[in-house]
Amino acid sequence: MAKPINEKPEVLAHMEDKSELGDDKHVASADYTGAERKTDPAEIALVRKIDVRLMVRIHFGLLIERERVSE
């Protein structure tokens, strides 16, 4: 029998078994990718420091590449 047009399709969500994470992980606060909100100030500072250093290197790398292409 054909389904009515106005019936909503069944949506299947991907569910992972997070039991291997252990008790120290806050599974409820993690989003669908497993990322959790950072609350440790030292971790936030470290990530920001790494991000800044990477962005500077990427910027200068692109600048050098642009100069090489224009030659």
PDB file of N, CA and C in Angstrom:
ATOM      1  N   MET A   1       0.839  -1.174   0.000  1.00  0.00           N
ATOM      2  CA  MET A   1       0.000   0.000   0.000  1.00  0.00           C
ATOM      3  C   MET A   1       0.887   1.242   0.000  1.00  0.00           C
ATOM      4  N   ALA A   2       0.556   2.235  -0.768  1.00  0.00           N
ATOM      5  CA  ALA A   2       1.339   3.461  -0.886  1.00  0.00           C
ATOM      6  C   ALA A   2       1.145   4.342   0.345  1.00  0.00           C
ATOM      7  N   LYS A   3       2.237   5.049   0.735  1.00  0.00           N
ATOM      8  CA  LYS A   3       2.165   5.962   1.873  1.00  0.00           C
ATOM      9  C   LYS A   3       1.520   7.268   1.438  1.00  0.00           C
ATOM     10  N   PRO A   4       0.741   7.891   2.303  1.00  0.00           N
ATOM     11  CA  PRO A   4       0.186   9.199   1.969  1.00  0.00           C
ATOM     12  C   PRO A   4       1.298  10.227   1.781  1.00  0.00           C
ATOM     13  N   ILE A   5       1.082  11.211   0.938  1.00  0.00           N
ATOM     14  CA  ILE A   5       2.094  12.219   0.620  1.00  0.00           C
ATOM     15  C   ILE A   5       2.421  13.079   1.833  1.00  0.00           C
ATOM     16  N   ASN A   6       1.432  13.397   2.644  1.00  0.00           N
ATOM     17  CA  ASN A   6       1.659  14.306   3.757  1.00  0.00           C
ATOM     18  C   ASN A   6       2.284  13.635   4.980  1.00  0.00           C
ATOM     19  N   GLU A   7       2.546  12.351   4.916  1.00  0.00           N
ATOM     20  CA  GLU A   7       3.170  11.659   6.038  1.00  0.00           C
ATOM     21  C   GLU A   7       4.663  11.983   6.066  1.00  0.00           C
ATOM     22  N   LYS A   8       5.187  12.314   7.248  1.00  0.00           N
ATOM     23  CA  LYS A   8       6.606  12.663   7.382  1.00  0.00           C
ATOM     24  C   LYS A   8       7.458  11.408   7.272  1.00  0.00           C
ATOM     25  N   PRO A   9       8.605  11.506   6.583  1.00  0.00           N
ATOM     26  CA  PRO A   9       9.482  10.342   6.481  1.00  0.00           C
ATOM     27  C   PRO A   9      10.123  10.025   7.828  1.00  0.00           C
ATOM     28  N   GLU A  10      10.460   8.788   8.019  1.00  0.00           N
ATOM     29  CA  GLU A  10      11.104   8.373   9.257  1.00  0.00           C
ATOM     30  C   GLU A  10      12.553   8.850   9.252  1.00  0.00           C
ATOM     31  N   VAL A  11      12.968   9.504  10.316  1.00  0.00           N
ATOM     32  CA  VAL A  11      14.332  10.019  10.423  1.00  0.00           C
ATOM     33  C   VAL A  11      15.123   9.105  11.343  1.00  0.00           C
ATOM     34  N   LEU A  12      16.241   8.625  10.827  1.00  0.00           N
ATOM     35  CA  LEU A  12      17.098   7.757  11.612  1.00  0.00           C
ATOM     36  C   LEU A  12      18.321   8.544  12.048  1.00  0.00           C
ATOM     37  N   ALA A  13      18.640   8.512  13.314  1.00  0.00           N
ATOM     38  CA  ALA A  13      19.799   9.219  13.843  1.00  0.00           C
ATOM     39  C   ALA A  13      20.922   8.223  14.093  1.00  0.00           C
ATOM     40  N   HIS A  14      22.130   8.693  13.946  1.00  0.00           N
ATOM     41  CA  HIS A  14      23.303   7.866  14.212  1.00  0.00           C
ATOM     42  C   HIS A  14      23.578   7.897  15.706  1.00  0.00           C
ATOM     43  N   MET A  15      23.555   6.744  16.329  1.00  0.00           N
ATOM     44  CA  MET A  15      23.807   6.655  17.762  1.00  0.00           C
ATOM     45  C   MET A  15      25.088   5.848  17.977  1.00  0.00           C
ATOM     46  N   GLU A  16      26.007   6.394  18.765  1.00  0.00           N
ATOM     47  CA  GLU A  16      27.249   5.702  19.058  1.00  0.00           C
ATOM     48  C   GLU A  16      27.243   5.202  20.490  1.00  0.00           C
ATOM     49  N   ASP A  17      27.944   4.130  20.702  1.00  0.00           N
ATOM     50  CA  ASP A  17      28.104   3.598  22.046  1.00  0.00           C
ATOM     51  C   ASP A  17      29.258   4.337  22.704  1.00  0.00           C
ATOM     52  N   LYS A  18      28.963   5.168  23.685  1.00  0.00           N
ATOM     53  CA  LYS A  18      29.997   5.955  24.349  1.00  0.00           C
ATOM     54  C   LYS A  18      30.455   5.323  25.648  1.00  0.00           C
ATOM     55  N   SER A  19      30.180   4.052  25.833  1.00  0.00           N
ATOM     56  CA  SER A  19      30.583   3.383  27.066  1.00  0.00           C
ATOM     57  C   SER A  19      32.097   3.236  27.158  1.00  0.00           C
ATOM     58  N   GLU A  20      32.801   3.226  26.015  1.00  0.00           N
ATOM     59  CA  GLU A  20      34.249   3.077  26.049  1.00  0.00           C
ATOM     60  C   GLU A  20      34.950   4.348  26.495  1.00  0.00           C
ATOM     61  N   LEU A  21      34.215   5.460  26.616  1.00  0.00           N
ATOM     62  CA  LEU A  21      34.832   6.703  27.036  1.00  0.00           C
ATOM     63  C   LEU A  21      35.212   6.690  28.506  1.00  0.00           C
ATOM     64  N   GLY A  22      34.550   5.902  29.292  1.00  0.00           N
ATOM     65  CA  GLY A  22      34.857   5.811  30.714  1.00  0.00           C
ATOM     66  C   GLY A  22      33.996   6.762  31.528  1.00  0.00           C
ATOM     67  N   ASP A  23      34.174   6.691  32.832  1.00  0.00           N
ATOM     68  CA  ASP A  23      33.367   7.496  33.735  1.00  0.00           C
ATOM     69  C   ASP A  23      33.810   8.945  33.798  1.00  0.00           C
ATOM     70  N   ASP A  24      35.061   9.243  33.412  1.00  0.00           N
ATOM     71  CA  ASP A  24      35.561  10.604  33.545  1.00  0.00           C
ATOM     72  C   ASP A  24      35.058  11.531  32.434  1.00  0.00           C
ATOM     73  N   LYS A  25      34.439  11.012  31.417  1.00  0.00           N
ATOM     74  CA  LYS A  25      33.926  11.832  30.323  1.00  0.00           C
ATOM     75  C   LYS A  25      32.484  12.239  30.603  1.00  0.00           C
ATOM     76  N   HIS A  26      32.148  13.443  30.250  1.00  0.00           N
ATOM     77  CA  HIS A  26      30.790  13.952  30.423  1.00  0.00           C
ATOM     78  C   HIS A  26      30.033  13.752  29.116  1.00  0.00           C
ATOM     79  N   VAL A  27      29.468  12.586  28.944  1.00  0.00           N
ATOM     80  CA  VAL A  27      28.807  12.225  27.697  1.00  0.00           C
ATOM     81  C   VAL A  27      27.619  13.133  27.427  1.00  0.00           C
ATOM     82  N   ALA A  28      26.903  13.534  28.468  1.00  0.00           N
ATOM     83  CA  ALA A  28      25.710  14.344  28.279  1.00  0.00           C
ATOM     84  C   ALA A  28      26.039  15.727  27.740  1.00  0.00           C
ATOM     85  N   SER A  29      27.234  16.257  28.026  1.00  0.00           N
ATOM     86  CA  SER A  29      27.573  17.596  27.575  1.00  0.00           C
ATOM     87  C   SER A  29      28.205  17.609  26.183  1.00  0.00           C
ATOM     88  N   ALA A  30      28.476  16.446  25.613  1.00  0.00           N
ATOM     89  CA  ALA A  30      29.105  16.372  24.298  1.00  0.00           C
ATOM     90  C   ALA A  30      28.056  16.527  23.205  1.00  0.00           C
ATOM     91  N   ASP A  31      28.481  17.159  22.096  1.00  0.00           N
ATOM     92  CA  ASP A  31      27.571  17.277  20.965  1.00  0.00           C
ATOM     93  C   ASP A  31      27.664  16.025  20.095  1.00  0.00           C
ATOM     94  N   TYR A  32      27.089  16.038  18.909  1.00  0.00           N
ATOM     95  CA  TYR A  32      27.023  14.836  18.071  1.00  0.00           C
ATOM     96  C   TYR A  32      28.390  14.375  17.579  1.00  0.00           C
ATOM     97  N   THR A  33      29.407  15.259  17.585  1.00  0.00           N
ATOM     98  CA  THR A  33      30.742  14.871  17.142  1.00  0.00           C
ATOM     99  C   THR A  33      31.606  14.393  18.288  1.00  0.00           C
ATOM    100  N   GLY A  34      31.117  14.534  19.513  1.00  0.00           N
ATOM    101  CA  GLY A  34      31.894  14.141  20.678  1.00  0.00           C
ATOM    102  C   GLY A  34      32.659  15.291  21.294  1.00  0.00           C
ATOM    103  N   ALA A  35      32.568  16.476  20.688  1.00  0.00           N
ATOM    104  CA  ALA A  35      33.262  17.641  21.227  1.00  0.00           C
ATOM    105  C   ALA A  35      32.540  18.153  22.465  1.00  0.00           C
ATOM    106  N   GLU A  36      33.326  18.553  23.430  1.00  0.00           N
ATOM    107  CA  GLU A  36      32.766  19.068  24.662  1.00  0.00           C
ATOM    108  C   GLU A  36      33.168  20.527  24.837  1.00  0.00           C
ATOM    109  N   ARG A  37      32.379  21.264  25.594  1.00  0.00           N
ATOM    110  CA  ARG A  37      32.681  22.663  25.862  1.00  0.00           C
ATOM    111  C   ARG A  37      33.927  22.742  26.743  1.00  0.00           C
ATOM    112  N   LYS A  38      34.841  23.628  26.366  1.00  0.00           N
ATOM    113  CA  LYS A  38      36.070  23.792  27.124  1.00  0.00           C
ATOM    114  C   LYS A  38      35.825  24.759  28.280  1.00  0.00           C
ATOM    115  N   THR A  39      36.164  24.339  29.488  1.00  0.00           N
ATOM    116  CA  THR A  39      35.974  25.197  30.640  1.00  0.00           C
ATOM    117  C   THR A  39      37.283  25.464  31.370  1.00  0.00           C
ATOM    118  N   ASP A  40      38.322  24.706  31.048  1.00  0.00           N
ATOM    119  CA  ASP A  40      39.611  24.887  31.705  1.00  0.00           C
ATOM    120  C   ASP A  40      40.336  26.083  31.082  1.00  0.00           C
ATOM    121  N   PRO A  41      40.643  27.137  31.845  1.00  0.00           N
ATOM    122  CA  PRO A  41      41.310  28.319  31.285  1.00  0.00           C
ATOM    123  C   PRO A  41      42.668  28.007  30.658  1.00  0.00           C
ATOM    124  N   ALA A  42      43.392  27.049  31.212  1.00  0.00           N
ATOM    125  CA  ALA A  42      44.697  26.686  30.642  1.00  0.00           C
ATOM    126  C   ALA A  42      44.526  26.060  29.263  1.00  0.00           C
ATOM    127  N   GLU A  43      43.511  25.220  29.104  1.00  0.00           N
ATOM    128  CA  GLU A  43      43.258  24.589  27.805  1.00  0.00           C
ATOM    129  C   GLU A  43      42.816  25.619  26.773  1.00  0.00           C
ATOM    130  N   ILE A  44      41.964  26.546  27.194  1.00  0.00           N
ATOM    131  CA  ILE A  44      41.501  27.603  26.291  1.00  0.00           C
ATOM    132  C   ILE A  44      42.675  28.449  25.832  1.00  0.00           C
ATOM    133  N   ALA A  45      43.567  28.818  26.755  1.00  0.00           N
ATOM    134  CA  ALA A  45      44.738  29.624  26.409  1.00  0.00           C
ATOM    135  C   ALA A  45      45.661  28.870  25.455  1.00  0.00           C
ATOM    136  N   LEU A  46      45.854  27.577  25.695  1.00  0.00           N
ATOM    137  CA  LEU A  46      46.719  26.776  24.833  1.00  0.00           C
ATOM    138  C   LEU A  46      46.151  26.678  23.420  1.00  0.00           C
ATOM    139  N   VAL A  47      44.860  26.427  23.306  1.00  0.00           N
ATOM    140  CA  VAL A  47      44.231  26.327  21.985  1.00  0.00           C
ATOM    141  C   VAL A  47      44.321  27.659  21.253  1.00  0.00           C
ATOM    142  N   ARG A  48      44.093  28.754  21.957  1.00  0.00           N
ATOM    143  CA  ARG A  48      44.199  30.073  21.333  1.00  0.00           C
ATOM    144  C   ARG A  48      45.624  30.344  20.859  1.00  0.00           C
ATOM    145  N   LYS A  49      46.620  29.964  21.661  1.00  0.00           N
ATOM    146  CA  LYS A  49      48.021  30.163  21.300  1.00  0.00           C
ATOM    147  C   LYS A  49      48.376  29.366  20.038  1.00  0.00           C
ATOM    148  N   ILE A  50      47.931  28.112  20.000  1.00  0.00           N
ATOM    149  CA  ILE A  50      48.193  27.273  18.824  1.00  0.00           C
ATOM    150  C   ILE A  50      47.487  27.844  17.598  1.00  0.00           C
ATOM    151  N   ASP A  51      46.244  28.284  17.758  1.00  0.00           N
ATOM    152  CA  ASP A  51      45.500  28.857  16.636  1.00  0.00           C
ATOM    153  C   ASP A  51      46.195  30.083  16.069  1.00  0.00           C
ATOM    154  N   VAL A  52      46.663  30.967  16.942  1.00  0.00           N
ATOM    155  CA  VAL A  52      47.326  32.191  16.478  1.00  0.00           C
ATOM    156  C   VAL A  52      48.593  31.846  15.720  1.00  0.00           C
ATOM    157  N   ARG A  53      49.383  30.935  16.267  1.00  0.00           N
ATOM    158  CA  ARG A  53      50.632  30.566  15.586  1.00  0.00           C
ATOM    159  C   ARG A  53      50.367  29.919  14.228  1.00  0.00           C
ATOM    160  N   LEU A  54      49.360  29.064  14.153  1.00  0.00           N
ATOM    161  CA  LEU A  54      49.033  28.444  12.870  1.00  0.00           C
ATOM    162  C   LEU A  54      48.534  29.465  11.857  1.00  0.00           C
ATOM    163  N   MET A  55      47.693  30.385  12.301  1.00  0.00           N
ATOM    164  CA  MET A  55      47.153  31.381  11.378  1.00  0.00           C
ATOM    165  C   MET A  55      48.260  32.283  10.837  1.00  0.00           C
ATOM    166  N   VAL A  56      49.235  32.638  11.660  1.00  0.00           N
ATOM    167  CA  VAL A  56      50.349  33.469  11.197  1.00  0.00           C
ATOM    168  C   VAL A  56      51.159  32.719  10.153  1.00  0.00           C
ATOM    169  N   ARG A  57      51.431  31.446  10.421  1.00  0.00           N
ATOM    170  CA  ARG A  57      52.211  30.664   9.447  1.00  0.00           C
ATOM    171  C   ARG A  57      51.443  30.473   8.135  1.00  0.00           C
ATOM    172  N   ILE A  58      50.165  30.230   8.220  1.00  0.00           N
ATOM    173  CA  ILE A  58      49.356  30.074   7.015  1.00  0.00           C
ATOM    174  C   ILE A  58      49.323  31.378   6.228  1.00  0.00           C
ATOM    175  N   HIS A  59      49.161  32.486   6.933  1.00  0.00           N
ATOM    176  CA  HIS A  59      49.113  33.790   6.263  1.00  0.00           C
ATOM    177  C   HIS A  59      50.417  34.053   5.506  1.00  0.00           C
ATOM    178  N   PHE A  60      51.560  33.869   6.169  1.00  0.00           N
ATOM    179  CA  PHE A  60      52.838  34.120   5.500  1.00  0.00           C
ATOM    180  C   PHE A  60      53.101  33.101   4.403  1.00  0.00           C
ATOM    181  N   GLY A  61      52.667  31.871   4.596  1.00  0.00           N
ATOM    182  CA  GLY A  61      52.831  30.874   3.541  1.00  0.00           C
ATOM    183  C   GLY A  61      52.043  31.239   2.292  1.00  0.00           C
ATOM    184  N   LEU A  62      50.822  31.722   2.482  1.00  0.00           N
ATOM    185  CA  LEU A  62      50.020  32.143   1.335  1.00  0.00           C
ATOM    186  C   LEU A  62      50.601  33.385   0.687  1.00  0.00           C
ATOM    187  N   LEU A  63      51.153  34.288   1.498  1.00  0.00           N
ATOM    188  CA  LEU A  63      51.773  35.501   0.962  1.00  0.00           C
ATOM    189  C   LEU A  63      52.974  35.149   0.092  1.00  0.00           C
ATOM    190  N   ILE A  64      53.810  34.238   0.565  1.00  0.00           N
ATOM    191  CA  ILE A  64      54.980  33.809  -0.208  1.00  0.00           C
ATOM    192  C   ILE A  64      54.533  33.093  -1.479  1.00  0.00           C
ATOM    193  N   GLU A  65      53.533  32.253  -1.380  1.00  0.00           N
ATOM    194  CA  GLU A  65      53.038  31.537  -2.559  1.00  0.00           C
ATOM    195  C   GLU A  65      52.485  32.507  -3.596  1.00  0.00           C
ATOM    196  N   ARG A  66      51.779  33.521  -3.135  1.00  0.00           N
ATOM    197  CA  ARG A  66      51.216  34.518  -4.054  1.00  0.00           C
ATOM    198  C   ARG A  66      52.331  35.256  -4.780  1.00  0.00           C
ATOM    199  N   GLU A  67      53.439  35.569  -4.074  1.00  0.00           N
ATOM    200  CA  GLU A  67      54.576  36.248  -4.706  1.00  0.00           C
ATOM    201  C   GLU A  67      55.241  35.327  -5.723  1.00  0.00           C
ATOM    202  N   ARG A  68      55.334  34.034  -5.434  1.00  0.00           N
ATOM    203  CA  ARG A  68      55.952  33.105  -6.362  1.00  0.00           C
ATOM    204  C   ARG A  68      55.119  32.964  -7.636  1.00  0.00           C
ATOM    205  N   VAL A  69      53.826  32.969  -7.515  1.00  0.00           N
ATOM    206  CA  VAL A  69      52.945  32.813  -8.665  1.00  0.00           C
ATOM    207  C   VAL A  69      53.019  34.051  -9.559  1.00  0.00           C
ATOM    208  N   SER A  70      53.161  35.223  -8.968  1.00  0.00           N
ATOM    209  CA  SER A  70      53.168  36.459  -9.746  1.00  0.00           C
ATOM    210  C   SER A  70      54.466  36.663 -10.510  1.00  0.00           C
ATOM    211  N   GLU A  71      55.516  35.901 -10.206  1.00  0.00           N
ATOM    212  CA  GLU A  71      56.787  36.073 -10.913  1.00  0.00           C
ATOM    213  C   GLU A  71      56.746  35.554 -12.315  1.00  0.00           C
TER     214      GLU A  71
END
